């Protein structure tokens, strides 16, 4: 929170999906 002037946020996300037997 930058005083009463502004609210700041920054986010980094790493994600993934793994399929059995290369089904997809």
PDBML (XML) file of the C-alpha atoms, coordinates in Angstrom:
<?xml version="1.0" encoding="UTF-8" ?>
<PDBx:datablock datablockName="MODEL"
   xmlns:PDBx="http://pdbml.pdb.org/schema/pdbx-v50.xsd"
   xmlns:xsi="http://www.w3.org/2001/XMLSchema-instance"
   xsi:schemaLocation="http://pdbml.pdb.org/schema/pdbx-v50.xsd pdbx-v50.xsd">
   <PDBx:atom_siteCategory>
      <PDBx:atom_site id="1">
         <PDBx:B_iso_or_equiv>0.00</PDBx:B_iso_or_equiv>
         <PDBx:Cartn_x>0.000</PDBx:Cartn_x>
         <PDBx:Cartn_y>0.000</PDBx:Cartn_y>
         <PDBx:Cartn_z>0.000</PDBx:Cartn_z>
         <PDBx:auth_asym_id>A</PDBx:auth_asym_id>
         <PDBx:auth_atom_id>CA</PDBx:auth_atom_id>
         <PDBx:auth_comp_id>UNK</PDBx:auth_comp_id>
         <PDBx:auth_seq_id>1</PDBx:auth_seq_id>
         <PDBx:group_PDB>ATOM</PDBx:group_PDB>
         <PDBx:label_alt_id xsi:nil="true" />
         <PDBx:label_asym_id>A</PDBx:label_asym_id>
         <PDBx:label_atom_id>CA</PDBx:label_atom_id>
         <PDBx:label_comp_id>UNK</PDBx:label_comp_id>
         <PDBx:label_entity_id>1</PDBx:label_entity_id>
         <PDBx:label_seq_id>1</PDBx:label_seq_id>
         <PDBx:occupancy>1.00</PDBx:occupancy>
         <PDBx:pdbx_PDB_model_num>1</PDBx:pdbx_PDB_model_num>
         <PDBx:type_symbol>C</PDBx:type_symbol>
      </PDBx:atom_site>
      <PDBx:atom_site id="2">
         <PDBx:B_iso_or_equiv>0.00</PDBx:B_iso_or_equiv>
         <PDBx:Cartn_x>1.529</PDBx:Cartn_x>
         <PDBx:Cartn_y>3.274</PDBx:Cartn_y>
         <PDBx:Cartn_z>-1.153</PDBx:Cartn_z>
         <PDBx:auth_asym_id>A</PDBx:auth_asym_id>
         <PDBx:auth_atom_id>CA</PDBx:auth_atom_id>
         <PDBx:auth_comp_id>UNK</PDBx:auth_comp_id>
         <PDBx:auth_seq_id>2</PDBx:auth_seq_id>
         <PDBx:group_PDB>ATOM</PDBx:group_PDB>
         <PDBx:label_alt_id xsi:nil="true" />
         <PDBx:label_asym_id>A</PDBx:label_asym_id>
         <PDBx:label_atom_id>CA</PDBx:label_atom_id>
         <PDBx:label_comp_id>UNK</PDBx:label_comp_id>
         <PDBx:label_entity_id>1</PDBx:label_entity_id>
         <PDBx:label_seq_id>2</PDBx:label_seq_id>
         <PDBx:occupancy>1.00</PDBx:occupancy>
         <PDBx:pdbx_PDB_model_num>1</PDBx:pdbx_PDB_model_num>
         <PDBx:type_symbol>C</PDBx:type_symbol>
      </PDBx:atom_site>
      <PDBx:atom_site id="3">
         <PDBx:B_iso_or_equiv>0.00</PDBx:B_iso_or_equiv>
         <PDBx:Cartn_x>-0.071</PDBx:Cartn_x>
         <PDBx:Cartn_y>5.454</PDBx:Cartn_y>
         <PDBx:Cartn_z>1.474</PDBx:Cartn_z>
         <PDBx:auth_asym_id>A</PDBx:auth_asym_id>
         <PDBx:auth_atom_id>CA</PDBx:auth_atom_id>
         <PDBx:auth_comp_id>UNK</PDBx:auth_comp_id>
         <PDBx:auth_seq_id>3</PDBx:auth_seq_id>
         <PDBx:group_PDB>ATOM</PDBx:group_PDB>
         <PDBx:label_alt_id xsi:nil="true" />
         <PDBx:label_asym_id>A</PDBx:label_asym_id>
         <PDBx:label_atom_id>CA</PDBx:label_atom_id>
         <PDBx:label_comp_id>UNK</PDBx:label_comp_id>
         <PDBx:label_entity_id>1</PDBx:label_entity_id>
         <PDBx:label_seq_id>3</PDBx:label_seq_id>
         <PDBx:occupancy>1.00</PDBx:occupancy>
         <PDBx:pdbx_PDB_model_num>1</PDBx:pdbx_PDB_model_num>
         <PDBx:type_symbol>C</PDBx:type_symbol>
      </PDBx:atom_site>
      <PDBx:atom_site id="4">
         <PDBx:B_iso_or_equiv>0.00</PDBx:B_iso_or_equiv>
         <PDBx:Cartn_x>-3.515</PDBx:Cartn_x>
         <PDBx:Cartn_y>6.638</PDBx:Cartn_y>
         <PDBx:Cartn_z>0.434</PDBx:Cartn_z>
         <PDBx:auth_asym_id>A</PDBx:auth_asym_id>
         <PDBx:auth_atom_id>CA</PDBx:auth_atom_id>
         <PDBx:auth_comp_id>UNK</PDBx:auth_comp_id>
         <PDBx:auth_seq_id>4</PDBx:auth_seq_id>
         <PDBx:group_PDB>ATOM</PDBx:group_PDB>
         <PDBx:label_alt_id xsi:nil="true" />
         <PDBx:label_asym_id>A</PDBx:label_asym_id>
         <PDBx:label_atom_id>CA</PDBx:label_atom_id>
         <PDBx:label_comp_id>UNK</PDBx:label_comp_id>
         <PDBx:label_entity_id>1</PDBx:label_entity_id>
         <PDBx:label_seq_id>4</PDBx:label_seq_id>
         <PDBx:occupancy>1.00</PDBx:occupancy>
         <PDBx:pdbx_PDB_model_num>1</PDBx:pdbx_PDB_model_num>
         <PDBx:type_symbol>C</PDBx:type_symbol>
      </PDBx:atom_site>
      <PDBx:atom_site id="5">
         <PDBx:B_iso_or_equiv>0.00</PDBx:B_iso_or_equiv>
         <PDBx:Cartn_x>-2.413</PDBx:Cartn_x>
         <PDBx:Cartn_y>7.134</PDBx:Cartn_y>
         <PDBx:Cartn_z>-3.177</PDBx:Cartn_z>
         <PDBx:auth_asym_id>A</PDBx:auth_asym_id>
         <PDBx:auth_atom_id>CA</PDBx:auth_atom_id>
         <PDBx:auth_comp_id>UNK</PDBx:auth_comp_id>
         <PDBx:auth_seq_id>5</PDBx:auth_seq_id>
         <PDBx:group_PDB>ATOM</PDBx:group_PDB>
         <PDBx:label_alt_id xsi:nil="true" />
         <PDBx:label_asym_id>A</PDBx:label_asym_id>
         <PDBx:label_atom_id>CA</PDBx:label_atom_id>
         <PDBx:label_comp_id>UNK</PDBx:label_comp_id>
         <PDBx:label_entity_id>1</PDBx:label_entity_id>
         <PDBx:label_seq_id>5</PDBx:label_seq_id>
         <PDBx:occupancy>1.00</PDBx:occupancy>
         <PDBx:pdbx_PDB_model_num>1</PDBx:pdbx_PDB_model_num>
         <PDBx:type_symbol>C</PDBx:type_symbol>
      </PDBx:atom_site>
      <PDBx:atom_site id="6">
         <PDBx:B_iso_or_equiv>0.00</PDBx:B_iso_or_equiv>
         <PDBx:Cartn_x>-2.351</PDBx:Cartn_x>
         <PDBx:Cartn_y>3.603</PDBx:Cartn_y>
         <PDBx:Cartn_z>-4.589</PDBx:Cartn_z>
         <PDBx:auth_asym_id>A</PDBx:auth_asym_id>
         <PDBx:auth_atom_id>CA</PDBx:auth_atom_id>
         <PDBx:auth_comp_id>UNK</PDBx:auth_comp_id>
         <PDBx:auth_seq_id>6</PDBx:auth_seq_id>
         <PDBx:group_PDB>ATOM</PDBx:group_PDB>
         <PDBx:label_alt_id xsi:nil="true" />
         <PDBx:label_asym_id>A</PDBx:label_asym_id>
         <PDBx:label_atom_id>CA</PDBx:label_atom_id>
         <PDBx:label_comp_id>UNK</PDBx:label_comp_id>
         <PDBx:label_entity_id>1</PDBx:label_entity_id>
         <PDBx:label_seq_id>6</PDBx:label_seq_id>
         <PDBx:occupancy>1.00</PDBx:occupancy>
         <PDBx:pdbx_PDB_model_num>1</PDBx:pdbx_PDB_model_num>
         <PDBx:type_symbol>C</PDBx:type_symbol>
      </PDBx:atom_site>
      <PDBx:atom_site id="7">
         <PDBx:B_iso_or_equiv>0.00</PDBx:B_iso_or_equiv>
         <PDBx:Cartn_x>-2.116</PDBx:Cartn_x>
         <PDBx:Cartn_y>-0.131</PDBx:Cartn_y>
         <PDBx:Cartn_z>-3.993</PDBx:Cartn_z>
         <PDBx:auth_asym_id>A</PDBx:auth_asym_id>
         <PDBx:auth_atom_id>CA</PDBx:auth_atom_id>
         <PDBx:auth_comp_id>UNK</PDBx:auth_comp_id>
         <PDBx:auth_seq_id>7</PDBx:auth_seq_id>
         <PDBx:group_PDB>ATOM</PDBx:group_PDB>
         <PDBx:label_alt_id xsi:nil="true" />
         <PDBx:label_asym_id>A</PDBx:label_asym_id>
         <PDBx:label_atom_id>CA</PDBx:label_atom_id>
         <PDBx:label_comp_id>UNK</PDBx:label_comp_id>
         <PDBx:label_entity_id>1</PDBx:label_entity_id>
         <PDBx:label_seq_id>7</PDBx:label_seq_id>
         <PDBx:occupancy>1.00</PDBx:occupancy>
         <PDBx:pdbx_PDB_model_num>1</PDBx:pdbx_PDB_model_num>
         <PDBx:type_symbol>C</PDBx:type_symbol>
      </PDBx:atom_site>
      <PDBx:atom_site id="8">
         <PDBx:B_iso_or_equiv>0.00</PDBx:B_iso_or_equiv>
         <PDBx:Cartn_x>0.547</PDBx:Cartn_x>
         <PDBx:Cartn_y>-2.092</PDBx:Cartn_y>
         <PDBx:Cartn_z>-5.891</PDBx:Cartn_z>
         <PDBx:auth_asym_id>A</PDBx:auth_asym_id>
         <PDBx:auth_atom_id>CA</PDBx:auth_atom_id>
         <PDBx:auth_comp_id>UNK</PDBx:auth_comp_id>
         <PDBx:auth_seq_id>8</PDBx:auth_seq_id>
         <PDBx:group_PDB>ATOM</PDBx:group_PDB>
         <PDBx:label_alt_id xsi:nil="true" />
         <PDBx:label_asym_id>A</PDBx:label_asym_id>
         <PDBx:label_atom_id>CA</PDBx:label_atom_id>
         <PDBx:label_comp_id>UNK</PDBx:label_comp_id>
         <PDBx:label_entity_id>1</PDBx:label_entity_id>
         <PDBx:label_seq_id>8</PDBx:label_seq_id>
         <PDBx:occupancy>1.00</PDBx:occupancy>
         <PDBx:pdbx_PDB_model_num>1</PDBx:pdbx_PDB_model_num>
         <PDBx:type_symbol>C</PDBx:type_symbol>
      </PDBx:atom_site>
      <PDBx:atom_site id="9">
         <PDBx:B_iso_or_equiv>0.00</PDBx:B_iso_or_equiv>
         <PDBx:Cartn_x>0.833</PDBx:Cartn_x>
         <PDBx:Cartn_y>-5.813</PDBx:Cartn_y>
         <PDBx:Cartn_z>-6.589</PDBx:Cartn_z>
         <PDBx:auth_asym_id>A</PDBx:auth_asym_id>
         <PDBx:auth_atom_id>CA</PDBx:auth_atom_id>
         <PDBx:auth_comp_id>UNK</PDBx:auth_comp_id>
         <PDBx:auth_seq_id>9</PDBx:auth_seq_id>
         <PDBx:group_PDB>ATOM</PDBx:group_PDB>
         <PDBx:label_alt_id xsi:nil="true" />
         <PDBx:label_asym_id>A</PDBx:label_asym_id>
         <PDBx:label_atom_id>CA</PDBx:label_atom_id>
         <PDBx:label_comp_id>UNK</PDBx:label_comp_id>
         <PDBx:label_entity_id>1</PDBx:label_entity_id>
         <PDBx:label_seq_id>9</PDBx:label_seq_id>
         <PDBx:occupancy>1.00</PDBx:occupancy>
         <PDBx:pdbx_PDB_model_num>1</PDBx:pdbx_PDB_model_num>
         <PDBx:type_symbol>C</PDBx:type_symbol>
      </PDBx:atom_site>
      <PDBx:atom_site id="10">
         <PDBx:B_iso_or_equiv>0.00</PDBx:B_iso_or_equiv>
         <PDBx:Cartn_x>3.176</PDBx:Cartn_x>
         <PDBx:Cartn_y>-7.954</PDBx:Cartn_y>
         <PDBx:Cartn_z>-8.707</PDBx:Cartn_z>
         <PDBx:auth_asym_id>A</PDBx:auth_asym_id>
         <PDBx:auth_atom_id>CA</PDBx:auth_atom_id>
         <PDBx:auth_comp_id>UNK</PDBx:auth_comp_id>
         <PDBx:auth_seq_id>10</PDBx:auth_seq_id>
         <PDBx:group_PDB>ATOM</PDBx:group_PDB>
         <PDBx:label_alt_id xsi:nil="true" />
         <PDBx:label_asym_id>A</PDBx:label_asym_id>
         <PDBx:label_atom_id>CA</PDBx:label_atom_id>
         <PDBx:label_comp_id>UNK</PDBx:label_comp_id>
         <PDBx:label_entity_id>1</PDBx:label_entity_id>
         <PDBx:label_seq_id>10</PDBx:label_seq_id>
         <PDBx:occupancy>1.00</PDBx:occupancy>
         <PDBx:pdbx_PDB_model_num>1</PDBx:pdbx_PDB_model_num>
         <PDBx:type_symbol>C</PDBx:type_symbol>
      </PDBx:atom_site>
      <PDBx:atom_site id="11">
         <PDBx:B_iso_or_equiv>0.00</PDBx:B_iso_or_equiv>
         <PDBx:Cartn_x>2.919</PDBx:Cartn_x>
         <PDBx:Cartn_y>-11.732</PDBx:Cartn_y>
         <PDBx:Cartn_z>-9.105</PDBx:Cartn_z>
         <PDBx:auth_asym_id>A</PDBx:auth_asym_id>
         <PDBx:auth_atom_id>CA</PDBx:auth_atom_id>
         <PDBx:auth_comp_id>UNK</PDBx:auth_comp_id>
         <PDBx:auth_seq_id>11</PDBx:auth_seq_id>
         <PDBx:group_PDB>ATOM</PDBx:group_PDB>
         <PDBx:label_alt_id xsi:nil="true" />
         <PDBx:label_asym_id>A</PDBx:label_asym_id>
         <PDBx:label_atom_id>CA</PDBx:label_atom_id>
         <PDBx:label_comp_id>UNK</PDBx:label_comp_id>
         <PDBx:label_entity_id>1</PDBx:label_entity_id>
         <PDBx:label_seq_id>11</PDBx:label_seq_id>
         <PDBx:occupancy>1.00</PDBx:occupancy>
         <PDBx:pdbx_PDB_model_num>1</PDBx:pdbx_PDB_model_num>
         <PDBx:type_symbol>C</PDBx:type_symbol>
      </PDBx:atom_site>
      <PDBx:atom_site id="12">
         <PDBx:B_iso_or_equiv>0.00</PDBx:B_iso_or_equiv>
         <PDBx:Cartn_x>4.954</PDBx:Cartn_x>
         <PDBx:Cartn_y>-14.471</PDBx:Cartn_y>
         <PDBx:Cartn_z>-10.786</PDBx:Cartn_z>
         <PDBx:auth_asym_id>A</PDBx:auth_asym_id>
         <PDBx:auth_atom_id>CA</PDBx:auth_atom_id>
         <PDBx:auth_comp_id>UNK</PDBx:auth_comp_id>
         <PDBx:auth_seq_id>12</PDBx:auth_seq_id>
         <PDBx:group_PDB>ATOM</PDBx:group_PDB>
         <PDBx:label_alt_id xsi:nil="true" />
         <PDBx:label_asym_id>A</PDBx:label_asym_id>
         <PDBx:label_atom_id>CA</PDBx:label_atom_id>
         <PDBx:label_comp_id>UNK</PDBx:label_comp_id>
         <PDBx:label_entity_id>1</PDBx:label_entity_id>
         <PDBx:label_seq_id>12</PDBx:label_seq_id>
         <PDBx:occupancy>1.00</PDBx:occupancy>
         <PDBx:pdbx_PDB_model_num>1</PDBx:pdbx_PDB_model_num>
         <PDBx:type_symbol>C</PDBx:type_symbol>
      </PDBx:atom_site>
      <PDBx:atom_site id="13">
         <PDBx:B_iso_or_equiv>0.00</PDBx:B_iso_or_equiv>
         <PDBx:Cartn_x>3.350</PDBx:Cartn_x>
         <PDBx:Cartn_y>-17.868</PDBx:Cartn_y>
         <PDBx:Cartn_z>-11.430</PDBx:Cartn_z>
         <PDBx:auth_asym_id>A</PDBx:auth_asym_id>
         <PDBx:auth_atom_id>CA</PDBx:auth_atom_id>
         <PDBx:auth_comp_id>UNK</PDBx:auth_comp_id>
         <PDBx:auth_seq_id>13</PDBx:auth_seq_id>
         <PDBx:group_PDB>ATOM</PDBx:group_PDB>
         <PDBx:label_alt_id xsi:nil="true" />
         <PDBx:label_asym_id>A</PDBx:label_asym_id>
         <PDBx:label_atom_id>CA</PDBx:label_atom_id>
         <PDBx:label_comp_id>UNK</PDBx:label_comp_id>
         <PDBx:label_entity_id>1</PDBx:label_entity_id>
         <PDBx:label_seq_id>13</PDBx:label_seq_id>
         <PDBx:occupancy>1.00</PDBx:occupancy>
         <PDBx:pdbx_PDB_model_num>1</PDBx:pdbx_PDB_model_num>
         <PDBx:type_symbol>C</PDBx:type_symbol>
      </PDBx:atom_site>
      <PDBx:atom_site id="14">
         <PDBx:B_iso_or_equiv>0.00</PDBx:B_iso_or_equiv>
         <PDBx:Cartn_x>4.817</PDBx:Cartn_x>
         <PDBx:Cartn_y>-21.096</PDBx:Cartn_y>
         <PDBx:Cartn_z>-12.732</PDBx:Cartn_z>
         <PDBx:auth_asym_id>A</PDBx:auth_asym_id>
         <PDBx:auth_atom_id>CA</PDBx:auth_atom_id>
         <PDBx:auth_comp_id>UNK</PDBx:auth_comp_id>
         <PDBx:auth_seq_id>14</PDBx:auth_seq_id>
         <PDBx:group_PDB>ATOM</PDBx:group_PDB>
         <PDBx:label_alt_id xsi:nil="true" />
         <PDBx:label_asym_id>A</PDBx:label_asym_id>
         <PDBx:label_atom_id>CA</PDBx:label_atom_id>
         <PDBx:label_comp_id>UNK</PDBx:label_comp_id>
         <PDBx:label_entity_id>1</PDBx:label_entity_id>
         <PDBx:label_seq_id>14</PDBx:label_seq_id>
         <PDBx:occupancy>1.00</PDBx:occupancy>
         <PDBx:pdbx_PDB_model_num>1</PDBx:pdbx_PDB_model_num>
         <PDBx:type_symbol>C</PDBx:type_symbol>
      </PDBx:atom_site>
      <PDBx:atom_site id="15">
         <PDBx:B_iso_or_equiv>0.00</PDBx:B_iso_or_equiv>
         <PDBx:Cartn_x>2.400</PDBx:Cartn_x>
         <PDBx:Cartn_y>-23.914</PDBx:Cartn_y>
         <PDBx:Cartn_z>-13.454</PDBx:Cartn_z>
         <PDBx:auth_asym_id>A</PDBx:auth_asym_id>
         <PDBx:auth_atom_id>CA</PDBx:auth_atom_id>
         <PDBx:auth_comp_id>UNK</PDBx:auth_comp_id>
         <PDBx:auth_seq_id>15</PDBx:auth_seq_id>
         <PDBx:group_PDB>ATOM</PDBx:group_PDB>
         <PDBx:label_alt_id xsi:nil="true" />
         <PDBx:label_asym_id>A</PDBx:label_asym_id>
         <PDBx:label_atom_id>CA</PDBx:label_atom_id>
         <PDBx:label_comp_id>UNK</PDBx:label_comp_id>
         <PDBx:label_entity_id>1</PDBx:label_entity_id>
         <PDBx:label_seq_id>15</PDBx:label_seq_id>
         <PDBx:occupancy>1.00</PDBx:occupancy>
         <PDBx:pdbx_PDB_model_num>1</PDBx:pdbx_PDB_model_num>
         <PDBx:type_symbol>C</PDBx:type_symbol>
      </PDBx:atom_site>
      <PDBx:atom_site id="16">
         <PDBx:B_iso_or_equiv>0.00</PDBx:B_iso_or_equiv>
         <PDBx:Cartn_x>1.991</PDBx:Cartn_x>
         <PDBx:Cartn_y>-27.047</PDBx:Cartn_y>
         <PDBx:Cartn_z>-15.515</PDBx:Cartn_z>
         <PDBx:auth_asym_id>A</PDBx:auth_asym_id>
         <PDBx:auth_atom_id>CA</PDBx:auth_atom_id>
         <PDBx:auth_comp_id>UNK</PDBx:auth_comp_id>
         <PDBx:auth_seq_id>16</PDBx:auth_seq_id>
         <PDBx:group_PDB>ATOM</PDBx:group_PDB>
         <PDBx:label_alt_id xsi:nil="true" />
         <PDBx:label_asym_id>A</PDBx:label_asym_id>
         <PDBx:label_atom_id>CA</PDBx:label_atom_id>
         <PDBx:label_comp_id>UNK</PDBx:label_comp_id>
         <PDBx:label_entity_id>1</PDBx:label_entity_id>
         <PDBx:label_seq_id>16</PDBx:label_seq_id>
         <PDBx:occupancy>1.00</PDBx:occupancy>
         <PDBx:pdbx_PDB_model_num>1</PDBx:pdbx_PDB_model_num>
         <PDBx:type_symbol>C</PDBx:type_symbol>
      </PDBx:atom_site>
      <PDBx:atom_site id="17">
         <PDBx:B_iso_or_equiv>0.00</PDBx:B_iso_or_equiv>
         <PDBx:Cartn_x>0.136</PDBx:Cartn_x>
         <PDBx:Cartn_y>-30.245</PDBx:Cartn_y>
         <PDBx:Cartn_z>-16.324</PDBx:Cartn_z>
         <PDBx:auth_asym_id>A</PDBx:auth_asym_id>
         <PDBx:auth_atom_id>CA</PDBx:auth_atom_id>
         <PDBx:auth_comp_id>UNK</PDBx:auth_comp_id>
         <PDBx:auth_seq_id>17</PDBx:auth_seq_id>
         <PDBx:group_PDB>ATOM</PDBx:group_PDB>
         <PDBx:label_alt_id xsi:nil="true" />
         <PDBx:label_asym_id>A</PDBx:label_asym_id>
         <PDBx:label_atom_id>CA</PDBx:label_atom_id>
         <PDBx:label_comp_id>UNK</PDBx:label_comp_id>
         <PDBx:label_entity_id>1</PDBx:label_entity_id>
         <PDBx:label_seq_id>17</PDBx:label_seq_id>
         <PDBx:occupancy>1.00</PDBx:occupancy>
         <PDBx:pdbx_PDB_model_num>1</PDBx:pdbx_PDB_model_num>
         <PDBx:type_symbol>C</PDBx:type_symbol>
      </PDBx:atom_site>
      <PDBx:atom_site id="18">
         <PDBx:B_iso_or_equiv>0.00</PDBx:B_iso_or_equiv>
         <PDBx:Cartn_x>1.552</PDBx:Cartn_x>
         <PDBx:Cartn_y>-33.779</PDBx:Cartn_y>
         <PDBx:Cartn_z>-16.539</PDBx:Cartn_z>
         <PDBx:auth_asym_id>A</PDBx:auth_asym_id>
         <PDBx:auth_atom_id>CA</PDBx:auth_atom_id>
         <PDBx:auth_comp_id>UNK</PDBx:auth_comp_id>
         <PDBx:auth_seq_id>18</PDBx:auth_seq_id>
         <PDBx:group_PDB>ATOM</PDBx:group_PDB>
         <PDBx:label_alt_id xsi:nil="true" />
         <PDBx:label_asym_id>A</PDBx:label_asym_id>
         <PDBx:label_atom_id>CA</PDBx:label_atom_id>
         <PDBx:label_comp_id>UNK</PDBx:label_comp_id>
         <PDBx:label_entity_id>1</PDBx:label_entity_id>
         <PDBx:label_seq_id>18</PDBx:label_seq_id>
         <PDBx:occupancy>1.00</PDBx:occupancy>
         <PDBx:pdbx_PDB_model_num>1</PDBx:pdbx_PDB_model_num>
         <PDBx:type_symbol>C</PDBx:type_symbol>
      </PDBx:atom_site>
      <PDBx:atom_site id="19">
         <PDBx:B_iso_or_equiv>0.00</PDBx:B_iso_or_equiv>
         <PDBx:Cartn_x>-0.327</PDBx:Cartn_x>
         <PDBx:Cartn_y>-36.661</PDBx:Cartn_y>
         <PDBx:Cartn_z>-18.215</PDBx:Cartn_z>
         <PDBx:auth_asym_id>A</PDBx:auth_asym_id>
         <PDBx:auth_atom_id>CA</PDBx:auth_atom_id>
         <PDBx:auth_comp_id>UNK</PDBx:auth_comp_id>
         <PDBx:auth_seq_id>19</PDBx:auth_seq_id>
         <PDBx:group_PDB>ATOM</PDBx:group_PDB>
         <PDBx:label_alt_id xsi:nil="true" />
         <PDBx:label_asym_id>A</PDBx:label_asym_id>
         <PDBx:label_atom_id>CA</PDBx:label_atom_id>
         <PDBx:label_comp_id>UNK</PDBx:label_comp_id>
         <PDBx:label_entity_id>1</PDBx:label_entity_id>
         <PDBx:label_seq_id>19</PDBx:label_seq_id>
         <PDBx:occupancy>1.00</PDBx:occupancy>
         <PDBx:pdbx_PDB_model_num>1</PDBx:pdbx_PDB_model_num>
         <PDBx:type_symbol>C</PDBx:type_symbol>
      </PDBx:atom_site>
      <PDBx:atom_site id="20">
         <PDBx:B_iso_or_equiv>0.00</PDBx:B_iso_or_equiv>
         <PDBx:Cartn_x>0.158</PDBx:Cartn_x>
         <PDBx:Cartn_y>-40.361</PDBx:Cartn_y>
         <PDBx:Cartn_z>-17.567</PDBx:Cartn_z>
         <PDBx:auth_asym_id>A</PDBx:auth_asym_id>
         <PDBx:auth_atom_id>CA</PDBx:auth_atom_id>
         <PDBx:auth_comp_id>UNK</PDBx:auth_comp_id>
         <PDBx:auth_seq_id>20</PDBx:auth_seq_id>
         <PDBx:group_PDB>ATOM</PDBx:group_PDB>
         <PDBx:label_alt_id xsi:nil="true" />
         <PDBx:label_asym_id>A</PDBx:label_asym_id>
         <PDBx:label_atom_id>CA</PDBx:label_atom_id>
         <PDBx:label_comp_id>UNK</PDBx:label_comp_id>
         <PDBx:label_entity_id>1</PDBx:label_entity_id>
         <PDBx:label_seq_id>20</PDBx:label_seq_id>
         <PDBx:occupancy>1.00</PDBx:occupancy>
         <PDBx:pdbx_PDB_model_num>1</PDBx:pdbx_PDB_model_num>
         <PDBx:type_symbol>C</PDBx:type_symbol>
      </PDBx:atom_site>
      <PDBx:atom_site id="21">
         <PDBx:B_iso_or_equiv>0.00</PDBx:B_iso_or_equiv>
         <PDBx:Cartn_x>1.610</PDBx:Cartn_x>
         <PDBx:Cartn_y>-42.384</PDBx:Cartn_y>
         <PDBx:Cartn_z>-20.483</PDBx:Cartn_z>
         <PDBx:auth_asym_id>A</PDBx:auth_asym_id>
         <PDBx:auth_atom_id>CA</PDBx:auth_atom_id>
         <PDBx:auth_comp_id>UNK</PDBx:auth_comp_id>
         <PDBx:auth_seq_id>21</PDBx:auth_seq_id>
         <PDBx:group_PDB>ATOM</PDBx:group_PDB>
         <PDBx:label_alt_id xsi:nil="true" />
         <PDBx:label_asym_id>A</PDBx:label_asym_id>
         <PDBx:label_atom_id>CA</PDBx:label_atom_id>
         <PDBx:label_comp_id>UNK</PDBx:label_comp_id>
         <PDBx:label_entity_id>1</PDBx:label_entity_id>
         <PDBx:label_seq_id>21</PDBx:label_seq_id>
         <PDBx:occupancy>1.00</PDBx:occupancy>
         <PDBx:pdbx_PDB_model_num>1</PDBx:pdbx_PDB_model_num>
         <PDBx:type_symbol>C</PDBx:type_symbol>
      </PDBx:atom_site>
      <PDBx:atom_site id="22">
         <PDBx:B_iso_or_equiv>0.00</PDBx:B_iso_or_equiv>
         <PDBx:Cartn_x>1.675</PDBx:Cartn_x>
         <PDBx:Cartn_y>-39.302</PDBx:Cartn_y>
         <PDBx:Cartn_z>-22.728</PDBx:Cartn_z>
         <PDBx:auth_asym_id>A</PDBx:auth_asym_id>
         <PDBx:auth_atom_id>CA</PDBx:auth_atom_id>
         <PDBx:auth_comp_id>UNK</PDBx:auth_comp_id>
         <PDBx:auth_seq_id>22</PDBx:auth_seq_id>
         <PDBx:group_PDB>ATOM</PDBx:group_PDB>
         <PDBx:label_alt_id xsi:nil="true" />
         <PDBx:label_asym_id>A</PDBx:label_asym_id>
         <PDBx:label_atom_id>CA</PDBx:label_atom_id>
         <PDBx:label_comp_id>UNK</PDBx:label_comp_id>
         <PDBx:label_entity_id>1</PDBx:label_entity_id>
         <PDBx:label_seq_id>22</PDBx:label_seq_id>
         <PDBx:occupancy>1.00</PDBx:occupancy>
         <PDBx:pdbx_PDB_model_num>1</PDBx:pdbx_PDB_model_num>
         <PDBx:type_symbol>C</PDBx:type_symbol>
      </PDBx:atom_site>
      <PDBx:atom_site id="23">
         <PDBx:B_iso_or_equiv>0.00</PDBx:B_iso_or_equiv>
         <PDBx:Cartn_x>-2.115</PDBx:Cartn_x>
         <PDBx:Cartn_y>-39.390</PDBx:Cartn_y>
         <PDBx:Cartn_z>-22.982</PDBx:Cartn_z>
         <PDBx:auth_asym_id>A</PDBx:auth_asym_id>
         <PDBx:auth_atom_id>CA</PDBx:auth_atom_id>
         <PDBx:auth_comp_id>UNK</PDBx:auth_comp_id>
         <PDBx:auth_seq_id>23</PDBx:auth_seq_id>
         <PDBx:group_PDB>ATOM</PDBx:group_PDB>
         <PDBx:label_alt_id xsi:nil="true" />
         <PDBx:label_asym_id>A</PDBx:label_asym_id>
         <PDBx:label_atom_id>CA</PDBx:label_atom_id>
         <PDBx:label_comp_id>UNK</PDBx:label_comp_id>
         <PDBx:label_entity_id>1</PDBx:label_entity_id>
         <PDBx:label_seq_id>23</PDBx:label_seq_id>
         <PDBx:occupancy>1.00</PDBx:occupancy>
         <PDBx:pdbx_PDB_model_num>1</PDBx:pdbx_PDB_model_num>
         <PDBx:type_symbol>C</PDBx:type_symbol>
      </PDBx:atom_site>
      <PDBx:atom_site id="24">
         <PDBx:B_iso_or_equiv>0.00</PDBx:B_iso_or_equiv>
         <PDBx:Cartn_x>-2.023</PDBx:Cartn_x>
         <PDBx:Cartn_y>-35.687</PDBx:Cartn_y>
         <PDBx:Cartn_z>-23.872</PDBx:Cartn_z>
         <PDBx:auth_asym_id>A</PDBx:auth_asym_id>
         <PDBx:auth_atom_id>CA</PDBx:auth_atom_id>
         <PDBx:auth_comp_id>UNK</PDBx:auth_comp_id>
         <PDBx:auth_seq_id>24</PDBx:auth_seq_id>
         <PDBx:group_PDB>ATOM</PDBx:group_PDB>
         <PDBx:label_alt_id xsi:nil="true" />
         <PDBx:label_asym_id>A</PDBx:label_asym_id>
         <PDBx:label_atom_id>CA</PDBx:label_atom_id>
         <PDBx:label_comp_id>UNK</PDBx:label_comp_id>
         <PDBx:label_entity_id>1</PDBx:label_entity_id>
         <PDBx:label_seq_id>24</PDBx:label_seq_id>
         <PDBx:occupancy>1.00</PDBx:occupancy>
         <PDBx:pdbx_PDB_model_num>1</PDBx:pdbx_PDB_model_num>
         <PDBx:type_symbol>C</PDBx:type_symbol>
      </PDBx:atom_site>
   </PDBx:atom_siteCategory>
</PDBx:datablock>
